[in-house]
Amino acid sequence: MTEVAPTLDERALVVAVRAGDEAAFRRLIAEYGPAMLRVARRHVSDHAIAEEVVQEAWLGVLRGLERFEGRSSLKTWVFRILRNTAISRAEREGRTVPFSSLDGDGGDDHAVEESRFQAEGRWAGHWAAPPEAWSPEARLLDGETRGVVERTIAELPRAQAIVISLRDVEGFSPEEVCNVLEISESNQRVLLHRARSRVRAALEDHLGERPGP
């Protein structure tokens, strides 16, 4: 895995928080907190527990900030702490995330064909074409359609749900996802494809565009 170096802004933020700058820490919480809660929710059983996970992760950030050496981006480091905290809590709940193996992570029974996705270039892995009925004006802000996407992600195997949430909801790069979750690029790519494929199939069902058997 290739680590992503901290930006100059991240380095300045680390220095400020280490110096006890409360405004800098509030900025850090405002920047990462909402995404941390959404990601934690993919690991644990309910919203209240996810909030506890995030609070515990922030304590871990504060305790560990003096040891932050800048070998990865600050965002990657923070979300790796969140991930480890969430996994510990999930294990206590009997919920595990088998990132090290795809076995038991679900097949592609409800997916769409790989040809429906771009294979190369900047947008590799994205749809080759959006659903016909999903014009920006008609569908992009459609609450019902967003609900279909959210429910589909929530019903995915947990590893797939976390990967697609980081990539397509939170905007993490492939390298950042691999570093946060400590998985290989090939594993990340397979999980993301499976997740995107199922979301596409659910959207086409919702929009009445899914091809028949």
N, C-alpha and C. Protein backbone atom coordinates (compact mmCIF):
# COMPACT_ATOMS: atom_id res chain seq x y z
N MET A 1 0.83 -1.19 0.00
CA MET A 1 0.00 0.00 0.00
C MET A 1 0.88 1.25 0.00
N THR A 2 0.50 2.24 -0.78
CA THR A 2 1.22 3.50 -0.84
C THR A 2 0.56 4.51 0.10
N GLU A 3 1.31 4.96 1.08
CA GLU A 3 0.76 5.94 2.01
C GLU A 3 0.65 7.30 1.34
N VAL A 4 -0.37 8.07 1.74
CA VAL A 4 -0.58 9.42 1.24
C VAL A 4 -0.02 10.39 2.28
N ALA A 5 0.93 11.23 1.89
CA ALA A 5 1.59 12.14 2.83
C ALA A 5 0.64 13.23 3.29
N PRO A 6 0.86 13.75 4.49
CA PRO A 6 0.02 14.85 4.98
C PRO A 6 0.17 16.09 4.11
N THR A 7 -0.90 16.84 3.95
CA THR A 7 -0.81 18.12 3.26
C THR A 7 -0.20 19.15 4.20
N LEU A 8 0.20 20.28 3.65
CA LEU A 8 0.73 21.36 4.49
C LEU A 8 -0.31 21.83 5.49
N ASP A 9 -1.56 21.88 5.05
CA ASP A 9 -2.63 22.31 5.95
C ASP A 9 -2.79 21.32 7.10
N GLU A 10 -2.69 20.02 6.81
CA GLU A 10 -2.80 19.01 7.86
C GLU A 10 -1.65 19.14 8.84
N ARG A 11 -0.44 19.36 8.34
CA ARG A 11 0.71 19.52 9.23
C ARG A 11 0.52 20.72 10.16
N ALA A 12 0.01 21.82 9.60
CA ALA A 12 -0.23 23.01 10.42
C ALA A 12 -1.30 22.74 11.46
N LEU A 13 -2.31 21.97 11.08
CA LEU A 13 -3.39 21.64 12.01
C LEU A 13 -2.87 20.78 13.17
N VAL A 14 -2.00 19.83 12.85
CA VAL A 14 -1.41 18.98 13.89
C VAL A 14 -0.61 19.83 14.88
N VAL A 15 0.19 20.74 14.36
CA VAL A 15 1.00 21.60 15.22
C VAL A 15 0.10 22.42 16.14
N ALA A 16 -0.99 22.96 15.58
CA ALA A 16 -1.89 23.80 16.37
C ALA A 16 -2.59 22.99 17.46
N VAL A 17 -3.07 21.81 17.12
CA VAL A 17 -3.76 20.99 18.12
C VAL A 17 -2.80 20.54 19.20
N ARG A 18 -1.60 20.18 18.82
CA ARG A 18 -0.58 19.80 19.82
C ARG A 18 -0.29 20.94 20.77
N ALA A 19 -0.38 22.17 20.28
CA ALA A 19 -0.11 23.35 21.11
C ALA A 19 -1.30 23.74 21.97
N GLY A 20 -2.39 22.98 21.89
CA GLY A 20 -3.55 23.26 22.72
C GLY A 20 -4.53 24.24 22.12
N ASP A 21 -4.46 24.46 20.83
CA ASP A 21 -5.37 25.38 20.15
C ASP A 21 -6.75 24.74 20.04
N GLU A 22 -7.69 25.18 20.87
CA GLU A 22 -9.03 24.58 20.88
C GLU A 22 -9.76 24.84 19.58
N ALA A 23 -9.55 25.99 18.96
CA ALA A 23 -10.22 26.29 17.69
C ALA A 23 -9.76 25.31 16.61
N ALA A 24 -8.49 24.95 16.63
CA ALA A 24 -7.97 24.00 15.65
C ALA A 24 -8.60 22.62 15.86
N PHE A 25 -8.76 22.23 17.13
CA PHE A 25 -9.38 20.93 17.39
C PHE A 25 -10.85 20.94 16.99
N ARG A 26 -11.54 22.05 17.24
CA ARG A 26 -12.94 22.15 16.81
C ARG A 26 -13.04 22.07 15.29
N ARG A 27 -12.07 22.66 14.61
CA ARG A 27 -12.05 22.57 13.15
C ARG A 27 -11.86 21.13 12.70
N LEU A 28 -10.97 20.40 13.40
CA LEU A 28 -10.74 19.00 13.08
C LEU A 28 -12.01 18.19 13.25
N ILE A 29 -12.73 18.44 14.33
CA ILE A 29 -13.98 17.72 14.58
C ILE A 29 -15.02 18.06 13.51
N ALA A 30 -15.11 19.35 13.18
CA ALA A 30 -16.09 19.77 12.17
C ALA A 30 -15.78 19.16 10.81
N GLU A 31 -14.49 19.02 10.50
CA GLU A 31 -14.09 18.51 9.18
C GLU A 31 -14.30 17.01 9.05
N TYR A 32 -13.99 16.26 10.10
CA TYR A 32 -14.02 14.80 10.01
C TYR A 32 -15.17 14.16 10.77
N GLY A 33 -15.73 14.86 11.75
CA GLY A 33 -16.72 14.26 12.64
C GLY A 33 -17.94 13.65 11.95
N PRO A 34 -18.62 14.39 11.07
CA PRO A 34 -19.81 13.81 10.42
C PRO A 34 -19.51 12.54 9.63
N ALA A 35 -18.39 12.54 8.88
CA ALA A 35 -18.01 11.35 8.11
C ALA A 35 -17.65 10.20 9.04
N MET A 36 -16.99 10.50 10.15
CA MET A 36 -16.63 9.46 11.11
C MET A 36 -17.88 8.78 11.65
N LEU A 37 -18.91 9.56 11.93
CA LEU A 37 -20.14 8.98 12.45
C LEU A 37 -20.81 8.09 11.41
N ARG A 38 -20.83 8.54 10.16
CA ARG A 38 -21.43 7.72 9.10
C ARG A 38 -20.68 6.41 8.92
N VAL A 39 -19.34 6.49 8.95
CA VAL A 39 -18.54 5.27 8.78
C VAL A 39 -18.70 4.35 9.98
N ALA A 40 -18.70 4.91 11.18
CA ALA A 40 -18.88 4.09 12.38
C ALA A 40 -20.21 3.36 12.34
N ARG A 41 -21.21 4.02 11.78
CA ARG A 41 -22.54 3.40 11.72
C ARG A 41 -22.56 2.15 10.86
N ARG A 42 -21.61 2.04 9.92
CA ARG A 42 -21.52 0.84 9.09
C ARG A 42 -20.97 -0.34 9.87
N HIS A 43 -20.28 -0.05 10.97
CA HIS A 43 -19.65 -1.11 11.75
C HIS A 43 -20.53 -1.65 12.87
N VAL A 44 -21.33 -0.77 13.49
CA VAL A 44 -22.02 -1.15 14.72
C VAL A 44 -23.53 -1.11 14.54
N SER A 45 -24.23 -1.57 15.58
CA SER A 45 -25.65 -1.90 15.41
C SER A 45 -26.60 -0.71 15.46
N ASP A 46 -26.24 0.38 16.11
CA ASP A 46 -27.18 1.50 16.13
C ASP A 46 -26.44 2.83 16.27
N HIS A 47 -27.21 3.91 16.12
CA HIS A 47 -26.64 5.25 16.06
C HIS A 47 -25.96 5.64 17.36
N ALA A 48 -26.57 5.30 18.49
CA ALA A 48 -26.01 5.68 19.79
C ALA A 48 -24.64 5.03 20.00
N ILE A 49 -24.52 3.77 19.62
CA ILE A 49 -23.22 3.10 19.76
C ILE A 49 -22.20 3.72 18.81
N ALA A 50 -22.65 4.08 17.61
CA ALA A 50 -21.73 4.74 16.66
C ALA A 50 -21.21 6.05 17.24
N GLU A 51 -22.06 6.81 17.91
CA GLU A 51 -21.62 8.05 18.54
C GLU A 51 -20.56 7.78 19.60
N GLU A 52 -20.76 6.70 20.38
CA GLU A 52 -19.77 6.33 21.39
C GLU A 52 -18.44 5.95 20.75
N VAL A 53 -18.52 5.24 19.63
CA VAL A 53 -17.31 4.86 18.91
C VAL A 53 -16.54 6.10 18.46
N VAL A 54 -17.25 7.08 17.92
CA VAL A 54 -16.61 8.31 17.46
C VAL A 54 -15.97 9.05 18.63
N GLN A 55 -16.67 9.15 19.75
CA GLN A 55 -16.11 9.82 20.92
C GLN A 55 -14.84 9.12 21.40
N GLU A 56 -14.87 7.79 21.43
CA GLU A 56 -13.70 7.02 21.84
C GLU A 56 -12.56 7.21 20.86
N ALA A 57 -12.89 7.28 19.56
CA ALA A 57 -11.86 7.50 18.55
C ALA A 57 -11.20 8.86 18.72
N TRP A 58 -11.98 9.90 19.04
CA TRP A 58 -11.40 11.22 19.25
C TRP A 58 -10.46 11.21 20.45
N LEU A 59 -10.81 10.47 21.49
CA LEU A 59 -9.90 10.35 22.62
C LEU A 59 -8.59 9.69 22.18
N GLY A 60 -8.71 8.68 21.31
CA GLY A 60 -7.53 8.03 20.78
C GLY A 60 -6.68 8.98 19.94
N VAL A 61 -7.34 9.85 19.19
CA VAL A 61 -6.62 10.85 18.40
C VAL A 61 -5.83 11.79 19.32
N LEU A 62 -6.49 12.29 20.37
CA LEU A 62 -5.82 13.21 21.28
C LEU A 62 -4.66 12.55 22.01
N ARG A 63 -4.87 11.29 22.42
CA ARG A 63 -3.80 10.58 23.12
C ARG A 63 -2.62 10.28 22.20
N GLY A 64 -2.91 10.05 20.93
CA GLY A 64 -1.85 9.63 20.02
C GLY A 64 -1.23 10.72 19.18
N LEU A 65 -1.77 11.94 19.27
CA LEU A 65 -1.32 12.99 18.35
C LEU A 65 0.16 13.32 18.51
N GLU A 66 0.68 13.23 19.72
CA GLU A 66 2.11 13.49 19.92
C GLU A 66 2.97 12.48 19.18
N ARG A 67 2.42 11.29 18.95
CA ARG A 67 3.18 10.25 18.26
C ARG A 67 2.95 10.24 16.75
N PHE A 68 2.09 11.14 16.27
CA PHE A 68 1.83 11.19 14.83
C PHE A 68 3.08 11.67 14.11
N GLU A 69 3.63 10.84 13.24
CA GLU A 69 4.90 11.12 12.57
C GLU A 69 4.75 11.59 11.13
N GLY A 70 3.52 11.67 10.65
CA GLY A 70 3.33 12.15 9.28
C GLY A 70 3.66 11.15 8.21
N ARG A 71 3.66 9.86 8.56
CA ARG A 71 3.92 8.84 7.54
C ARG A 71 2.70 8.61 6.65
N SER A 72 1.56 9.06 7.10
CA SER A 72 0.33 9.01 6.31
C SER A 72 -0.36 10.36 6.45
N SER A 73 -1.40 10.58 5.67
CA SER A 73 -2.16 11.82 5.83
C SER A 73 -2.87 11.81 7.18
N LEU A 74 -3.16 12.99 7.69
CA LEU A 74 -3.87 13.09 8.96
C LEU A 74 -5.23 12.42 8.86
N LYS A 75 -5.91 12.60 7.73
CA LYS A 75 -7.23 12.00 7.54
C LYS A 75 -7.15 10.48 7.61
N THR A 76 -6.17 9.91 6.92
CA THR A 76 -5.99 8.46 6.96
C THR A 76 -5.74 7.98 8.38
N TRP A 77 -4.88 8.69 9.09
CA TRP A 77 -4.52 8.31 10.47
C TRP A 77 -5.74 8.37 11.38
N VAL A 78 -6.52 9.45 11.28
CA VAL A 78 -7.72 9.59 12.11
C VAL A 78 -8.72 8.48 11.82
N PHE A 79 -8.95 8.21 10.55
CA PHE A 79 -9.95 7.20 10.20
C PHE A 79 -9.45 5.79 10.48
N ARG A 80 -8.13 5.60 10.52
CA ARG A 80 -7.63 4.29 10.92
C ARG A 80 -7.89 4.06 12.42
N ILE A 81 -7.74 5.11 13.21
CA ILE A 81 -8.08 5.01 14.64
C ILE A 81 -9.57 4.71 14.79
N LEU A 82 -10.39 5.40 14.02
CA LEU A 82 -11.83 5.15 14.05
C LEU A 82 -12.12 3.70 13.68
N ARG A 83 -11.50 3.24 12.62
CA ARG A 83 -11.73 1.87 12.16
C ARG A 83 -11.37 0.85 13.24
N ASN A 84 -10.20 1.02 13.88
CA ASN A 84 -9.79 0.09 14.92
C ASN A 84 -10.72 0.14 16.13
N THR A 85 -11.17 1.35 16.48
CA THR A 85 -12.11 1.50 17.59
C THR A 85 -13.44 0.83 17.26
N ALA A 86 -13.91 1.05 16.04
CA ALA A 86 -15.19 0.47 15.62
C ALA A 86 -15.12 -1.05 15.57
N ILE A 87 -14.00 -1.59 15.09
CA ILE A 87 -13.87 -3.04 15.02
C ILE A 87 -13.87 -3.65 16.42
N SER A 88 -13.17 -3.00 17.36
CA SER A 88 -13.17 -3.50 18.74
C SER A 88 -14.58 -3.52 19.31
N ARG A 89 -15.34 -2.45 19.05
CA ARG A 89 -16.71 -2.40 19.54
C ARG A 89 -17.58 -3.42 18.84
N ALA A 90 -17.40 -3.58 17.52
CA ALA A 90 -18.19 -4.54 16.76
C ALA A 90 -17.91 -5.97 17.22
N GLU A 91 -16.65 -6.25 17.56
CA GLU A 91 -16.31 -7.58 18.04
C GLU A 91 -17.00 -7.88 19.37
N ARG A 92 -17.12 -6.85 20.22
CA ARG A 92 -17.83 -7.05 21.49
C ARG A 92 -19.30 -7.32 21.24
N GLU A 93 -19.81 -6.83 20.11
CA GLU A 93 -21.21 -7.07 19.75
C GLU A 93 -21.39 -8.34 18.94
N GLY A 94 -20.26 -9.02 18.65
CA GLY A 94 -20.34 -10.22 17.82
C GLY A 94 -20.48 -9.92 16.36
N ARG A 95 -20.07 -8.70 15.95
CA ARG A 95 -20.13 -8.29 14.54
C ARG A 95 -18.71 -8.09 14.06
N THR A 96 -18.32 -8.80 13.00
CA THR A 96 -16.97 -8.69 12.48
C THR A 96 -16.99 -8.29 11.02
N VAL A 97 -15.87 -7.74 10.57
CA VAL A 97 -15.74 -7.29 9.17
C VAL A 97 -14.57 -8.03 8.54
N PRO A 98 -14.81 -9.08 7.75
CA PRO A 98 -13.73 -9.92 7.23
C PRO A 98 -13.03 -9.32 6.03
N PHE A 99 -12.31 -8.21 6.23
CA PHE A 99 -11.63 -7.58 5.11
C PHE A 99 -10.50 -8.44 4.57
N SER A 100 -9.94 -9.29 5.41
CA SER A 100 -8.79 -10.06 4.96
C SER A 100 -9.17 -11.13 3.96
N SER A 101 -10.46 -11.42 3.82
CA SER A 101 -10.90 -12.46 2.91
C SER A 101 -12.25 -12.08 2.33
N LEU A 102 -12.46 -12.45 1.07
CA LEU A 102 -13.75 -12.22 0.45
C LEU A 102 -14.70 -13.38 0.67
N ASP A 103 -14.24 -14.46 1.29
CA ASP A 103 -15.09 -15.62 1.52
C ASP A 103 -16.28 -15.22 2.36
N GLY A 104 -17.45 -15.62 1.91
CA GLY A 104 -18.66 -15.32 2.66
C GLY A 104 -19.12 -13.89 2.53
N ASP A 105 -18.48 -13.10 1.63
CA ASP A 105 -18.86 -11.70 1.49
C ASP A 105 -19.94 -11.49 0.46
N GLY A 106 -20.49 -12.56 -0.01
CA GLY A 106 -21.60 -12.43 -0.94
C GLY A 106 -21.16 -12.45 -2.38
N GLY A 107 -21.91 -13.08 -3.22
CA GLY A 107 -21.59 -13.13 -4.64
C GLY A 107 -22.26 -12.01 -5.39
N ASP A 108 -22.46 -12.21 -6.67
CA ASP A 108 -23.01 -11.17 -7.52
C ASP A 108 -24.40 -11.53 -8.04
N ASP A 109 -25.17 -12.28 -7.23
CA ASP A 109 -26.48 -12.73 -7.68
C ASP A 109 -27.41 -11.57 -8.02
N HIS A 110 -27.26 -10.45 -7.31
CA HIS A 110 -28.14 -9.32 -7.52
C HIS A 110 -27.41 -8.15 -8.16
N ALA A 111 -26.32 -8.43 -8.84
CA ALA A 111 -25.50 -7.39 -9.44
C ALA A 111 -25.83 -7.23 -10.91
N VAL A 112 -25.17 -6.26 -11.54
CA VAL A 112 -25.32 -6.07 -12.98
C VAL A 112 -23.99 -6.44 -13.63
N GLU A 113 -24.01 -6.59 -14.95
CA GLU A 113 -22.84 -7.07 -15.67
C GLU A 113 -21.69 -6.07 -15.59
N GLU A 114 -20.45 -6.59 -15.61
CA GLU A 114 -19.27 -5.72 -15.55
C GLU A 114 -19.21 -4.76 -16.71
N SER A 115 -19.81 -5.14 -17.85
CA SER A 115 -19.78 -4.27 -19.02
C SER A 115 -20.54 -2.97 -18.80
N ARG A 116 -21.35 -2.91 -17.74
CA ARG A 116 -22.11 -1.70 -17.46
C ARG A 116 -21.25 -0.63 -16.80
N PHE A 117 -20.00 -0.99 -16.47
CA PHE A 117 -19.09 -0.07 -15.80
C PHE A 117 -17.89 0.24 -16.69
N GLN A 118 -17.33 1.44 -16.55
CA GLN A 118 -16.14 1.78 -17.31
C GLN A 118 -14.96 0.96 -16.81
N ALA A 119 -14.15 0.48 -17.75
CA ALA A 119 -13.05 -0.41 -17.40
C ALA A 119 -11.72 0.31 -17.24
N GLU A 120 -11.55 1.47 -17.87
CA GLU A 120 -10.25 2.13 -17.86
C GLU A 120 -10.43 3.63 -17.66
N GLY A 121 -9.29 4.29 -17.46
CA GLY A 121 -9.28 5.74 -17.38
C GLY A 121 -9.62 6.26 -16.00
N ARG A 122 -9.77 7.57 -15.91
CA ARG A 122 -10.02 8.24 -14.64
C ARG A 122 -11.26 7.72 -13.94
N TRP A 123 -12.28 7.36 -14.73
CA TRP A 123 -13.57 6.96 -14.14
C TRP A 123 -13.76 5.45 -14.16
N ALA A 124 -12.66 4.70 -14.18
CA ALA A 124 -12.76 3.24 -14.13
C ALA A 124 -13.55 2.82 -12.89
N GLY A 125 -14.49 1.89 -13.11
CA GLY A 125 -15.33 1.41 -12.02
C GLY A 125 -16.63 2.16 -11.89
N HIS A 126 -16.76 3.32 -12.54
CA HIS A 126 -18.00 4.07 -12.51
C HIS A 126 -18.92 3.60 -13.65
N TRP A 127 -20.18 3.99 -13.58
CA TRP A 127 -21.14 3.59 -14.60
C TRP A 127 -20.71 4.08 -15.97
N ALA A 128 -20.86 3.22 -16.97
CA ALA A 128 -20.61 3.64 -18.34
C ALA A 128 -21.67 4.65 -18.78
N ALA A 129 -22.88 4.49 -18.28
CA ALA A 129 -23.96 5.44 -18.52
C ALA A 129 -24.90 5.38 -17.34
N PRO A 130 -25.44 6.52 -16.90
CA PRO A 130 -26.39 6.52 -15.79
C PRO A 130 -27.71 5.92 -16.22
N PRO A 131 -28.58 5.53 -15.26
CA PRO A 131 -29.91 5.06 -15.64
C PRO A 131 -30.61 6.08 -16.53
N GLU A 132 -31.33 5.61 -17.54
CA GLU A 132 -31.95 6.50 -18.52
C GLU A 132 -32.89 7.51 -17.87
N ALA A 133 -33.66 7.06 -16.88
CA ALA A 133 -34.65 7.94 -16.27
C ALA A 133 -34.05 8.86 -15.22
N TRP A 134 -32.76 8.69 -14.91
CA TRP A 134 -32.17 9.44 -13.81
C TRP A 134 -31.48 10.68 -14.32
N SER A 135 -32.26 11.63 -14.86
CA SER A 135 -31.69 12.90 -15.27
C SER A 135 -31.40 13.72 -14.03
N PRO A 136 -30.42 14.63 -14.09
CA PRO A 136 -30.11 15.43 -12.90
C PRO A 136 -31.32 16.17 -12.37
N GLU A 137 -32.14 16.72 -13.30
CA GLU A 137 -33.29 17.50 -12.87
C GLU A 137 -34.33 16.63 -12.17
N ALA A 138 -34.55 15.43 -12.70
CA ALA A 138 -35.65 14.61 -12.22
C ALA A 138 -35.29 13.76 -11.02
N ARG A 139 -33.99 13.35 -10.93
CA ARG A 139 -33.68 12.31 -9.95
C ARG A 139 -32.60 12.65 -8.94
N LEU A 140 -31.70 13.58 -9.27
CA LEU A 140 -30.54 13.76 -8.42
C LEU A 140 -30.93 14.15 -7.00
N LEU A 141 -31.97 14.94 -6.86
CA LEU A 141 -32.40 15.38 -5.53
C LEU A 141 -33.65 14.64 -5.08
N ASP A 142 -33.95 13.54 -5.71
CA ASP A 142 -35.13 12.75 -5.39
C ASP A 142 -34.89 12.01 -4.08
N GLY A 143 -35.61 12.42 -3.03
CA GLY A 143 -35.41 11.79 -1.73
C GLY A 143 -35.69 10.31 -1.73
N GLU A 144 -36.68 9.89 -2.50
CA GLU A 144 -37.01 8.47 -2.55
C GLU A 144 -35.86 7.68 -3.18
N THR A 145 -35.27 8.24 -4.23
CA THR A 145 -34.15 7.57 -4.88
C THR A 145 -32.94 7.50 -3.96
N ARG A 146 -32.66 8.60 -3.27
CA ARG A 146 -31.56 8.58 -2.29
C ARG A 146 -31.82 7.53 -1.22
N GLY A 147 -33.09 7.39 -0.84
CA GLY A 147 -33.43 6.38 0.15
C GLY A 147 -33.14 4.98 -0.35
N VAL A 148 -33.37 4.72 -1.63
CA VAL A 148 -33.07 3.41 -2.21
C VAL A 148 -31.57 3.14 -2.11
N VAL A 149 -30.76 4.15 -2.46
CA VAL A 149 -29.31 3.98 -2.38
C VAL A 149 -28.88 3.70 -0.96
N GLU A 150 -29.37 4.48 -0.01
CA GLU A 150 -28.98 4.31 1.39
C GLU A 150 -29.39 2.95 1.92
N ARG A 151 -30.61 2.52 1.62
CA ARG A 151 -31.07 1.21 2.11
C ARG A 151 -30.25 0.09 1.49
N THR A 152 -29.92 0.24 0.21
CA THR A 152 -29.14 -0.80 -0.46
C THR A 152 -27.75 -0.91 0.17
N ILE A 153 -27.12 0.23 0.42
CA ILE A 153 -25.81 0.20 1.06
C ILE A 153 -25.90 -0.42 2.45
N ALA A 154 -26.95 -0.07 3.20
CA ALA A 154 -27.11 -0.61 4.55
C ALA A 154 -27.30 -2.12 4.55
N GLU A 155 -27.84 -2.66 3.46
CA GLU A 155 -28.10 -4.10 3.38
C GLU A 155 -26.93 -4.89 2.78
N LEU A 156 -25.90 -4.20 2.32
CA LEU A 156 -24.74 -4.88 1.75
C LEU A 156 -23.97 -5.62 2.84
N PRO A 157 -23.20 -6.65 2.46
CA PRO A 157 -22.23 -7.21 3.41
C PRO A 157 -21.37 -6.06 3.95
N ARG A 158 -21.01 -6.15 5.23
CA ARG A 158 -20.42 -4.99 5.89
C ARG A 158 -19.16 -4.47 5.21
N ALA A 159 -18.29 -5.33 4.73
CA ALA A 159 -17.07 -4.87 4.07
C ALA A 159 -17.40 -4.04 2.84
N GLN A 160 -18.36 -4.52 2.04
CA GLN A 160 -18.77 -3.77 0.85
C GLN A 160 -19.36 -2.42 1.24
N ALA A 161 -20.20 -2.40 2.28
CA ALA A 161 -20.84 -1.16 2.70
C ALA A 161 -19.82 -0.12 3.14
N ILE A 162 -18.81 -0.57 3.87
CA ILE A 162 -17.80 0.37 4.35
C ILE A 162 -16.97 0.91 3.19
N VAL A 163 -16.58 0.04 2.26
CA VAL A 163 -15.75 0.49 1.14
C VAL A 163 -16.51 1.47 0.26
N ILE A 164 -17.76 1.16 -0.09
CA ILE A 164 -18.50 2.08 -0.96
C ILE A 164 -18.83 3.38 -0.23
N SER A 165 -19.02 3.31 1.08
CA SER A 165 -19.26 4.53 1.84
C SER A 165 -18.04 5.44 1.83
N LEU A 166 -16.86 4.86 2.03
CA LEU A 166 -15.64 5.66 2.00
C LEU A 166 -15.38 6.22 0.62
N ARG A 167 -15.53 5.41 -0.41
CA ARG A 167 -15.20 5.86 -1.76
C ARG A 167 -16.25 6.81 -2.32
N ASP A 168 -17.52 6.41 -2.31
CA ASP A 168 -18.53 7.13 -3.06
C ASP A 168 -19.37 8.10 -2.24
N VAL A 169 -19.35 7.95 -0.93
CA VAL A 169 -20.07 8.89 -0.07
C VAL A 169 -19.11 9.92 0.53
N GLU A 170 -17.99 9.44 1.05
CA GLU A 170 -17.05 10.34 1.72
C GLU A 170 -15.95 10.86 0.80
N GLY A 171 -15.81 10.28 -0.39
CA GLY A 171 -14.86 10.81 -1.36
C GLY A 171 -13.42 10.43 -1.13
N PHE A 172 -13.15 9.32 -0.42
CA PHE A 172 -11.79 8.86 -0.22
C PHE A 172 -11.22 8.34 -1.54
N SER A 173 -9.92 8.49 -1.71
CA SER A 173 -9.24 7.91 -2.87
C SER A 173 -9.03 6.42 -2.63
N PRO A 174 -8.74 5.65 -3.70
CA PRO A 174 -8.45 4.22 -3.49
C PRO A 174 -7.31 4.00 -2.51
N GLU A 175 -6.26 4.83 -2.61
CA GLU A 175 -5.12 4.67 -1.71
C GLU A 175 -5.52 4.92 -0.26
N GLU A 176 -6.34 5.93 -0.03
CA GLU A 176 -6.78 6.24 1.33
C GLU A 176 -7.61 5.11 1.91
N VAL A 177 -8.50 4.53 1.09
CA VAL A 177 -9.33 3.43 1.57
C VAL A 177 -8.45 2.23 1.94
N CYS A 178 -7.50 1.91 1.09
CA CYS A 178 -6.61 0.78 1.37
C CYS A 178 -5.82 1.02 2.66
N ASN A 179 -5.36 2.24 2.87
CA ASN A 179 -4.57 2.54 4.06
C ASN A 179 -5.42 2.56 5.32
N VAL A 180 -6.62 3.09 5.24
CA VAL A 180 -7.51 3.11 6.41
C VAL A 180 -7.90 1.70 6.81
N LEU A 181 -8.30 0.90 5.83
CA LEU A 181 -8.82 -0.44 6.11
C LEU A 181 -7.74 -1.50 6.13
N GLU A 182 -6.53 -1.12 5.70
CA GLU A 182 -5.40 -2.06 5.66
C GLU A 182 -5.74 -3.28 4.80
N ILE A 183 -6.19 -3.00 3.58
CA ILE A 183 -6.51 -4.04 2.62
C ILE A 183 -5.74 -3.77 1.34
N SER A 184 -5.65 -4.77 0.48
CA SER A 184 -4.94 -4.60 -0.79
C SER A 184 -5.81 -3.84 -1.78
N GLU A 185 -5.15 -3.28 -2.79
CA GLU A 185 -5.88 -2.57 -3.84
C GLU A 185 -6.84 -3.51 -4.56
N SER A 186 -6.42 -4.75 -4.82
CA SER A 186 -7.30 -5.68 -5.52
C SER A 186 -8.53 -6.01 -4.66
N ASN A 187 -8.35 -6.16 -3.37
CA ASN A 187 -9.48 -6.44 -2.47
C ASN A 187 -10.44 -5.25 -2.46
N GLN A 188 -9.88 -4.05 -2.34
CA GLN A 188 -10.70 -2.85 -2.36
C GLN A 188 -11.49 -2.74 -3.65
N ARG A 189 -10.84 -3.05 -4.76
CA ARG A 189 -11.48 -2.92 -6.07
C ARG A 189 -12.63 -3.91 -6.22
N VAL A 190 -12.44 -5.15 -5.76
CA VAL A 190 -13.51 -6.15 -5.86
C VAL A 190 -14.69 -5.78 -4.97
N LEU A 191 -14.40 -5.38 -3.73
CA LEU A 191 -15.48 -4.99 -2.82
C LEU A 191 -16.27 -3.81 -3.38
N LEU A 192 -15.55 -2.83 -3.93
CA LEU A 192 -16.22 -1.64 -4.46
C LEU A 192 -17.06 -2.00 -5.67
N HIS A 193 -16.52 -2.84 -6.56
CA HIS A 193 -17.30 -3.22 -7.74
C HIS A 193 -18.59 -3.95 -7.34
N ARG A 194 -18.48 -4.88 -6.40
CA ARG A 194 -19.67 -5.61 -5.97
C ARG A 194 -20.70 -4.66 -5.38
N ALA A 195 -20.23 -3.73 -4.57
CA ALA A 195 -21.15 -2.79 -3.93
C ALA A 195 -21.80 -1.87 -4.96
N ARG A 196 -21.00 -1.29 -5.84
CA ARG A 196 -21.56 -0.40 -6.86
C ARG A 196 -22.52 -1.16 -7.77
N SER A 197 -22.20 -2.39 -8.07
CA SER A 197 -23.05 -3.18 -8.95
C SER A 197 -24.42 -3.41 -8.32
N ARG A 198 -24.44 -3.70 -7.04
CA ARG A 198 -25.72 -3.93 -6.37
C ARG A 198 -26.53 -2.64 -6.24
N VAL A 199 -25.82 -1.54 -5.99
CA VAL A 199 -26.53 -0.26 -5.93
C VAL A 199 -27.13 0.07 -7.29
N ARG A 200 -26.37 -0.18 -8.36
CA ARG A 200 -26.89 0.09 -9.71
C ARG A 200 -28.12 -0.77 -9.99
N ALA A 201 -28.05 -2.05 -9.60
CA ALA A 201 -29.19 -2.93 -9.84
C ALA A 201 -30.41 -2.46 -9.06
N ALA A 202 -30.21 -2.02 -7.82
CA ALA A 202 -31.34 -1.54 -7.01
C ALA A 202 -31.94 -0.28 -7.61
N LEU A 203 -31.09 0.62 -8.12
CA LEU A 203 -31.60 1.83 -8.75
C LEU A 203 -32.39 1.51 -10.01
N GLU A 204 -31.89 0.57 -10.80
CA GLU A 204 -32.61 0.22 -12.03
C GLU A 204 -33.95 -0.44 -11.70
N ASP A 205 -33.99 -1.24 -10.66
CA ASP A 205 -35.27 -1.81 -10.22
C ASP A 205 -36.22 -0.70 -9.81
N HIS A 206 -35.71 0.26 -9.07
CA HIS A 206 -36.52 1.37 -8.58
C HIS A 206 -37.05 2.22 -9.73
N LEU A 207 -36.21 2.41 -10.76
CA LEU A 207 -36.57 3.26 -11.89
C LEU A 207 -37.27 2.49 -13.01
N GLY A 208 -37.45 1.18 -12.80
CA GLY A 208 -38.12 0.37 -13.81
C GLY A 208 -37.30 0.11 -15.04
N GLU A 209 -35.94 0.09 -14.90
CA GLU A 209 -35.07 -0.10 -16.06
C GLU A 209 -34.32 -1.41 -16.02
N ARG A 210 -34.51 -2.22 -15.01
CA ARG A 210 -33.74 -3.47 -14.90
C ARG A 210 -34.16 -4.44 -16.01
N PRO A 211 -33.21 -4.94 -16.81
CA PRO A 211 -33.56 -5.89 -17.86
C PRO A 211 -34.17 -7.14 -17.26
N GLY A 212 -35.10 -7.74 -17.97
CA GLY A 212 -35.72 -8.97 -17.52
C GLY A 212 -34.80 -10.15 -17.67
N PRO A 213 -35.17 -11.31 -17.06
CA PRO A 213 -34.33 -12.53 -17.15
C PRO A 213 -34.22 -13.01 -18.58
